[in-house]
Protein backbone atom coordinates (compact mmCIF):
# COMPACT_ATOMS: atom_id res chain seq x y z
CA UNK A 1 -18.73 -12.97 -4.97
CA UNK A 2 -15.63 -14.20 -3.03
CA UNK A 3 -16.59 -18.22 -1.75
CA UNK A 4 -13.15 -18.31 0.67
CA UNK A 5 -15.01 -17.21 3.78
CA UNK A 6 -13.77 -16.59 7.02
CA UNK A 7 -15.68 -16.69 11.01
CA UNK A 8 -15.16 -13.46 12.76
CA UNK A 9 -12.94 -15.00 15.63
CA UNK A 10 -10.92 -16.97 12.72
CA UNK A 11 -10.86 -12.37 11.48
CA UNK A 12 -10.16 -11.60 14.57
CA UNK A 13 -7.01 -13.92 14.79
CA UNK A 14 -6.06 -12.55 11.66
CA UNK A 15 -6.05 -9.22 12.16
CA UNK A 16 -4.40 -10.01 16.15
CA UNK A 17 -1.29 -12.12 14.16
CA UNK A 18 -0.14 -9.78 11.72
CA UNK A 19 -0.42 -6.64 14.24
CA UNK A 20 1.67 -8.47 17.15
CA UNK A 21 5.02 -9.47 15.48
CA UNK A 22 8.58 -7.99 16.82
CA UNK A 23 7.33 -5.69 18.63
CA UNK A 24 7.41 -8.02 21.14
CA UNK A 25 11.19 -7.88 21.20
CA UNK A 26 11.47 -4.20 20.23
CA UNK A 27 8.50 -1.88 21.02
CA UNK A 28 9.98 -1.68 24.84
CA UNK A 29 12.92 -0.30 24.09
CA UNK A 30 12.12 2.20 21.24
CA UNK A 31 9.23 3.30 23.86
CA UNK A 32 11.00 3.27 27.23
CA UNK A 33 13.53 5.77 25.16
CA UNK A 34 11.17 8.59 24.62
CA UNK A 35 7.91 7.79 27.33
CA UNK A 36 10.38 6.79 30.37
CA UNK A 37 7.74 5.06 32.64
CA UNK A 38 4.84 5.93 30.86
CA UNK A 39 5.20 3.55 27.98
CA UNK A 40 2.69 1.70 28.48
CA UNK A 41 0.56 4.76 28.48
CA UNK A 42 1.74 5.43 25.08
CA UNK A 43 0.73 2.16 24.26
CA UNK A 44 -2.62 2.56 25.60
CA UNK A 45 -3.43 5.77 22.99
CA UNK A 46 -1.64 4.20 20.46
CA UNK A 47 -3.26 1.06 20.30
CA UNK A 48 -6.57 3.29 20.78
CA UNK A 49 -5.83 5.21 18.10
CA UNK A 50 -4.43 2.11 15.63
CA UNK A 51 -8.01 1.24 16.95
CA UNK A 52 -9.84 4.13 15.54
CA UNK A 53 -8.40 3.84 12.69
CA UNK A 54 -9.14 0.63 11.95
CA UNK A 55 -13.40 0.43 12.50
CA UNK A 56 -13.14 3.82 10.08
CA UNK A 57 -11.67 1.82 6.92
CA UNK A 58 -14.54 -1.51 8.30
CA UNK A 59 -17.16 1.15 8.60
CA UNK A 60 -16.40 2.16 5.18
CA UNK A 61 -15.37 -1.10 3.63
CA UNK A 62 -19.29 -2.28 4.96
CA UNK A 63 -21.03 0.62 2.48
CA UNK A 64 -20.12 -2.16 -0.57
CA UNK A 65 -20.31 -5.40 0.19
CA UNK A 66 -18.44 -8.30 -1.00
CA UNK A 67 -15.84 -5.45 -1.68
CA UNK A 68 -12.57 -5.20 -1.18
CA UNK A 69 -10.17 -1.45 -1.69
CA UNK A 70 -9.50 -3.07 -4.90
CA UNK A 71 -12.72 -2.61 -6.51
CA UNK A 72 -14.15 0.70 -4.68
CA UNK A 73 -10.79 2.56 -4.04
CA UNK A 74 -11.34 3.80 -7.92
CA UNK A 75 -15.09 4.37 -7.14
CA UNK A 76 -14.44 6.44 -4.54
CA UNK A 77 -11.15 8.08 -5.99
CA UNK A 78 -10.77 7.36 -9.97
CA UNK A 79 -9.60 4.78 -11.76
CA UNK A 80 -6.16 6.10 -12.01
CA UNK A 81 -5.34 6.67 -8.76
CA UNK A 82 -7.17 3.85 -7.00
CA UNK A 83 -4.91 1.75 -8.70
CA UNK A 84 -2.96 3.35 -7.96
CA UNK A 85 -2.87 3.45 -3.87
CA UNK A 86 -3.35 -0.31 -3.98
CA UNK A 87 -0.32 -0.39 -6.05
CA UNK A 88 1.41 0.89 -3.31
CA UNK A 89 0.02 -0.44 -0.56
CA UNK A 90 1.44 -4.00 -2.56
CA UNK A 91 4.85 -1.99 -2.20
CA UNK A 92 4.47 -1.52 1.34
CA UNK A 93 3.60 -5.02 2.24
CA UNK A 94 6.24 -6.42 0.27
CA UNK A 95 8.84 -3.70 2.30
CA UNK A 96 7.65 -4.95 5.53
CA UNK A 97 7.86 -8.91 4.40
CA UNK A 98 11.64 -7.70 3.66
CA UNK A 99 11.95 -6.16 7.15
CA UNK A 100 10.19 -8.64 9.04
CA UNK A 101 12.27 -11.72 7.93
CA UNK A 102 15.45 -9.60 8.46
CA UNK A 103 14.63 -9.10 11.89
CA UNK A 104 13.82 -12.57 11.99
CA UNK A 105 16.75 -14.30 10.95
CA UNK A 106 18.59 -11.80 12.56
CA UNK A 107 16.96 -12.16 16.26
CA UNK A 108 17.73 -16.02 15.20
CA UNK A 109 20.78 -16.61 14.47
CA UNK A 110 21.95 -14.81 17.40
CA UNK A 111 20.34 -16.47 20.27
CA UNK A 112 19.43 -19.52 18.49
CA UNK A 113 22.02 -20.49 15.29
CA UNK A 114 24.76 -18.31 15.98
CA UNK A 115 26.75 -20.37 13.31
CA UNK A 116 24.26 -20.75 10.38
CA UNK A 117 24.34 -18.45 7.58
CA UNK A 118 21.61 -15.30 7.76
CA UNK A 119 20.53 -15.97 4.04
CA UNK A 120 19.81 -19.92 5.02
CA UNK A 121 17.49 -18.63 7.75
CA UNK A 122 16.32 -16.56 5.86
CA UNK A 123 14.84 -18.64 2.65
CA UNK A 124 14.24 -21.69 4.90
CA UNK A 125 10.99 -19.29 6.68
CA UNK A 126 10.24 -18.44 3.05
CA UNK A 127 10.09 -21.93 2.32
CA UNK A 128 7.92 -22.30 5.33
CA UNK A 129 6.02 -18.99 4.72
CA UNK A 130 4.83 -20.21 1.20
CA UNK A 131 3.63 -23.91 1.93
CA UNK A 132 1.06 -22.03 3.97
CA UNK A 133 0.44 -18.82 1.62
CA UNK A 134 -0.44 -21.54 -1.63
CA UNK A 135 -3.53 -22.69 0.46
CA UNK A 136 -5.35 -19.91 1.25
CA UNK A 137 -6.98 -17.27 3.04
CA UNK A 138 -8.96 -20.14 5.07
CA UNK A 139 -5.75 -22.09 6.12
CA UNK A 140 -4.08 -18.88 7.23
CA UNK A 141 -7.03 -18.02 9.75
CA UNK A 142 -6.69 -22.24 11.05
CA UNK A 143 -3.26 -22.07 10.59
CA UNK A 144 -3.21 -18.50 13.24
CA UNK A 145 -5.94 -19.92 15.27
CA UNK A 146 -4.15 -22.62 15.89
CA UNK A 147 -0.19 -21.35 16.54
CA UNK A 148 -1.11 -18.31 18.22
CA UNK A 149 -3.19 -19.13 21.24
CA UNK A 150 0.01 -21.28 22.14
CA UNK A 151 2.65 -18.71 21.60
CA UNK A 152 0.27 -16.58 23.00
CA UNK A 153 0.44 -18.25 26.76
CA UNK A 154 3.69 -19.83 26.65
CA UNK A 155 5.25 -15.93 26.01
CA UNK A 156 2.47 -15.09 29.46
CA UNK A 157 3.83 -17.61 30.95
CA UNK A 158 7.68 -17.04 30.74
CA UNK A 159 7.43 -13.20 31.55
CA UNK A 160 4.94 -14.64 34.47
CA UNK A 161 8.07 -15.74 35.46
CA UNK A 162 9.97 -13.13 35.74
CA UNK A 163 7.83 -10.96 38.32
CA UNK A 164 9.77 -13.08 41.23
CA UNK A 165 12.79 -10.40 40.69
CA UNK A 166 10.93 -7.10 39.32
CA UNK A 167 9.73 -3.90 41.39
CA UNK A 168 6.48 -2.67 40.15
CA UNK A 169 7.44 0.13 41.47
CA UNK A 170 9.81 1.10 38.34
CA UNK A 171 6.71 2.00 36.87
CA UNK A 172 6.48 5.40 39.49
CA UNK A 173 5.67 7.85 39.19
CA UNK A 174 2.25 8.39 36.25
CA UNK A 175 3.23 10.89 33.89
CA UNK A 176 6.28 12.06 36.37
CA UNK A 177 7.46 15.00 33.02
CA UNK A 178 4.16 15.49 32.10
CA UNK A 179 1.60 14.25 28.76
CA UNK A 180 4.81 16.01 26.29
CA UNK A 181 6.98 12.79 26.41
CA UNK A 182 3.65 10.56 26.07
CA UNK A 183 2.49 11.94 23.09
CA UNK A 184 5.98 12.19 21.54
CA UNK A 185 6.15 7.90 21.75
CA UNK A 186 2.75 7.94 20.13
CA UNK A 187 4.19 7.30 15.96
CA UNK A 188 6.97 4.34 18.02
CA UNK A 189 3.53 2.70 18.95
CA UNK A 190 1.18 3.75 16.59
CA UNK A 191 3.74 1.91 14.22
CA UNK A 192 3.21 -1.23 16.60
CA UNK A 193 -0.11 -1.55 15.81
CA UNK A 194 0.20 -1.99 11.92
CA UNK A 195 -1.51 -4.45 10.23
CA UNK A 196 -4.60 -3.37 10.60
CA UNK A 197 -4.47 -1.76 7.54
CA UNK A 198 -5.40 -5.72 5.91
CA UNK A 199 -8.80 -4.89 6.74
CA UNK A 200 -9.31 -2.78 4.06
CA UNK A 201 -8.78 -5.77 1.93
CA UNK A 202 -10.04 -8.61 4.30
CA UNK A 203 -13.14 -7.70 4.69
CA UNK A 204 -15.10 -9.16 2.35
CA UNK A 205 -13.67 -12.71 2.96
CA UNK A 206 -15.74 -12.55 6.69
CA UNK A 207 -18.93 -14.27 6.41
CA UNK A 208 -21.23 -11.72 8.64
CA UNK A 209 -19.03 -8.05 7.88
CA UNK A 210 -21.46 -6.18 9.82
CA UNK A 211 -20.59 -7.63 13.10
CA UNK A 212 -16.68 -6.45 11.95
CA UNK A 213 -16.48 -4.03 14.85
CA UNK A 214 -16.51 -6.18 17.64
CA UNK A 215 -14.02 -8.13 16.05
CA UNK A 216 -12.02 -5.19 15.56
CA UNK A 217 -11.97 -4.30 18.65
CA UNK A 218 -11.59 -8.21 20.80
CA UNK A 219 -8.35 -7.81 18.44
CA UNK A 220 -6.83 -5.13 19.62
CA UNK A 221 -7.83 -5.67 23.29
CA UNK A 222 -5.65 -8.58 22.86
CA UNK A 223 -2.72 -7.01 21.68
CA UNK A 224 -2.99 -4.57 23.80
CA UNK A 225 -3.15 -6.21 27.00
CA UNK A 226 0.16 -8.01 25.33
CA UNK A 227 2.17 -5.09 24.27
CA UNK A 228 1.21 -3.41 27.90
CA UNK A 229 1.95 -6.19 29.78
CA UNK A 230 5.27 -6.65 28.31
CA UNK A 231 5.81 -2.71 28.81
CA UNK A 232 5.29 -2.71 32.84
CA UNK A 233 7.13 -6.31 33.14
CA UNK A 234 10.13 -5.06 31.53
CA UNK A 235 10.38 -1.85 32.84
CA UNK A 236 9.34 -3.98 36.14
CA UNK A 237 12.67 -5.79 35.89
CA UNK A 238 15.16 -3.40 34.33
CA UNK A 239 14.47 0.17 35.05
CA UNK A 240 12.75 2.16 32.39
CA UNK A 241 16.58 3.78 32.25
CA UNK A 242 17.98 0.62 31.28
CA UNK A 243 15.13 -0.54 28.93
CA UNK A 244 15.42 1.82 26.68
CA UNK A 245 19.16 0.98 25.91
CA UNK A 246 18.87 -2.80 25.82
CA UNK A 247 18.17 -4.01 22.41
CA UNK A 248 15.55 -6.93 22.99
CA UNK A 249 14.51 -6.44 26.57
CA UNK A 250 11.52 -9.12 26.43
CA UNK A 251 15.24 -11.48 25.63
CA UNK A 252 16.97 -9.90 28.50
CA UNK A 253 14.43 -10.50 31.31
CA UNK A 254 14.44 -13.83 30.72
CA UNK A 255 18.28 -14.80 30.38
CA UNK A 256 17.36 -13.34 34.41
CA UNK A 257 15.33 -16.08 34.91
CA UNK A 258 16.79 -19.22 37.66
CA UNK A 259 14.17 -22.01 37.93
CA UNK A 260 15.11 -25.10 41.04
CA UNK A 261 17.03 -27.10 40.45
CA UNK A 262 18.22 -25.60 37.04
CA UNK A 263 15.23 -28.38 35.11
CA UNK A 264 15.26 -26.16 31.90
CA UNK A 265 18.16 -23.48 30.72
CA UNK A 266 18.86 -20.62 28.73
CA UNK A 267 14.48 -19.39 28.71
CA UNK A 268 15.77 -16.52 26.26
CA UNK A 269 15.25 -20.07 24.13
CA UNK A 270 11.80 -20.52 25.29
CA UNK A 271 10.96 -16.99 24.65
CA UNK A 272 12.13 -17.25 20.93
CA UNK A 273 9.45 -20.42 20.30
CA UNK A 274 6.87 -18.23 21.26
CA UNK A 275 7.84 -14.94 19.02
CA UNK A 276 8.93 -16.83 16.22
CA UNK A 277 5.50 -17.92 15.53
CA UNK A 278 4.39 -14.01 15.36
CA UNK A 279 6.92 -13.11 13.00
CA UNK A 280 5.93 -16.09 11.24
CA UNK A 281 2.58 -15.43 11.12
CA UNK A 282 3.14 -11.90 10.48
CA UNK A 283 4.98 -12.19 7.24
CA UNK A 284 2.55 -14.49 6.10
CA UNK A 285 -0.42 -11.82 5.79
CA UNK A 286 1.48 -9.89 4.27
CA UNK A 287 2.75 -12.23 1.75
CA UNK A 288 -0.56 -13.03 1.42
CA UNK A 289 -2.01 -9.58 1.52
CA UNK A 290 0.81 -8.41 -1.61
CA UNK A 291 0.19 -11.59 -3.71
CA UNK A 292 -3.65 -11.59 -3.41
CA UNK A 293 -4.25 -7.48 -4.00
CA UNK A 294 -1.61 -8.12 -7.35
CA UNK A 295 -3.20 -11.80 -8.79
CA UNK A 296 -7.02 -9.38 -8.30
CA UNK A 297 -5.20 -6.28 -10.07
CA UNK A 298 -3.88 -8.29 -13.10
CA UNK A 299 -7.13 -9.83 -13.69
CA UNK A 300 -5.59 -13.42 -12.10
CA UNK A 301 -8.42 -15.99 -10.23
CA UNK A 302 -5.14 -17.56 -8.17
CA UNK A 303 -2.63 -15.38 -6.46
CA UNK A 304 0.05 -18.73 -5.97
CA UNK A 305 2.18 -17.90 -8.94
CA UNK A 306 2.44 -14.41 -7.65
CA UNK A 307 3.67 -15.70 -4.08
CA UNK A 308 6.09 -17.21 -6.26
CA UNK A 309 7.35 -14.31 -7.98
CA UNK A 310 8.07 -11.93 -5.60
CA UNK A 311 9.94 -14.11 -3.10
CA UNK A 312 13.18 -13.69 -5.26
CA UNK A 313 12.56 -9.44 -4.53
CA UNK A 314 11.86 -9.67 -0.66
CA UNK A 315 14.81 -11.86 -0.52
CA UNK A 316 17.07 -9.35 -1.60
CA UNK A 317 15.42 -6.67 -0.05
CA UNK A 318 15.67 -8.44 3.03
CA UNK A 319 19.64 -9.05 2.37
CA UNK A 320 20.01 -5.67 1.44
CA UNK A 321 21.03 -4.24 4.58
CA UNK A 322 24.64 -4.88 5.91
CA UNK A 323 23.86 -4.66 10.14
CA UNK A 324 21.28 -4.37 12.48
CA UNK A 325 21.98 -0.55 12.18
CA UNK A 326 20.83 -0.24 8.35
CA UNK A 327 18.00 -2.11 9.28
CA UNK A 328 16.32 -0.61 12.31
CA UNK A 329 16.88 2.75 10.23
CA UNK A 330 14.86 0.11 6.96
CA UNK A 331 12.49 -0.57 9.47
CA UNK A 332 12.11 2.86 10.20
CA UNK A 333 11.43 4.54 6.86
CA UNK A 334 9.48 1.12 6.04
CA UNK A 335 6.95 1.69 9.21
CA UNK A 336 6.66 5.75 8.90
CA UNK A 337 5.91 4.78 4.99
CA UNK A 338 3.54 1.90 6.59
CA UNK A 339 1.50 5.40 8.82
CA UNK A 340 1.52 8.03 6.22
CA UNK A 341 0.24 5.25 3.49
CA UNK A 342 -2.76 4.20 5.86
CA UNK A 343 -3.31 7.86 7.00
CA UNK A 344 -3.22 9.56 3.90
CA UNK A 345 -5.48 6.46 1.86
CA UNK A 346 -8.55 6.64 5.20
CA UNK A 347 -8.33 10.67 5.25
CA UNK A 348 -8.68 10.61 0.67
CA UNK A 349 -11.13 7.54 1.11
CA UNK A 350 -13.33 8.88 3.47
CA UNK A 351 -13.42 12.11 1.11
CA UNK A 352 -14.28 10.76 -2.07
CA UNK A 353 -17.27 9.15 -0.15
CA UNK A 354 -18.58 11.76 1.20
CA UNK A 355 -18.24 13.57 -2.67
CA UNK A 356 -19.88 11.04 -4.74
CA UNK A 357 -22.62 10.08 -2.36
CA UNK A 358 -22.88 14.25 -1.97
CA UNK A 359 -23.26 14.46 -6.10
CA UNK A 360 -25.49 11.27 -5.92
CA UNK A 361 -23.11 8.99 -7.48
CA UNK A 362 -23.57 6.19 -4.28
């Protein structure tokens, strides 16, 4: 039985923090290049699809009290396939950590620490995250509850300042090119919500897992609101065509803000300060997830040593890409692999549950 329990609000903060990360900076460009002014619709639909998948995962998990995928996976789809599925999730989590830490290091070097080597930024990020990971899920949840509201309010405040030089009419006409561009961009928007699969492993930590549905809906509502708000703001300031060609539109619009008297300069730096906590908490949870699952598979009581052993591996993965193009390509591969893993595992687990239920094994 898991003793380190977290409240429903803490679970909501964990889901919120793991889903909302690097997408704050890159999502508008990726969506606008495919859906244009209707990017906000694509984000809304992608969020609803991801929320539906998470609810199905939670619905399956509550049927196995005090158990995570590590325990009930082998029971549903067989011992070897169940353990193999967990190993695939470990590899995916570690690959995602390497992407998040590399992107955050590249952006930090570009906008804040231009004379600092990327490797130094990556190592310093790991030192910060590993301190939180070592203390377990409860301190991670409390850390998120403290950091995330501050970062979210700071982000929204900066975005509101851009509306003095914006035109909401840039978001019109709605569905002017039909529904096809929106549907074509759904994989991209679904990818931006990745992290929800952590519910497969974190559900047993909840004090009241049967109330998980409300927590999931609340977390997704907050993430969808922020992503849609960012998308509409970027298009309002720059226009859909311009957003499609700017690597980090959210930072680009912050550069256009001019405050009376120049009281604060370089507001993109303030935007960075609101984004870095999102990237950090995403990395912390993926790193913790990989360490926790590995420790359970090896029959260990603690995840701390495992989390330290993973650092050299993730560091090598993060410095492997030579430039931004390779980072983007690696990100696309990891994202598509994550979506495929989530879809296949969800279908396979529910089919396994139905089969065992029919054979009266459950």
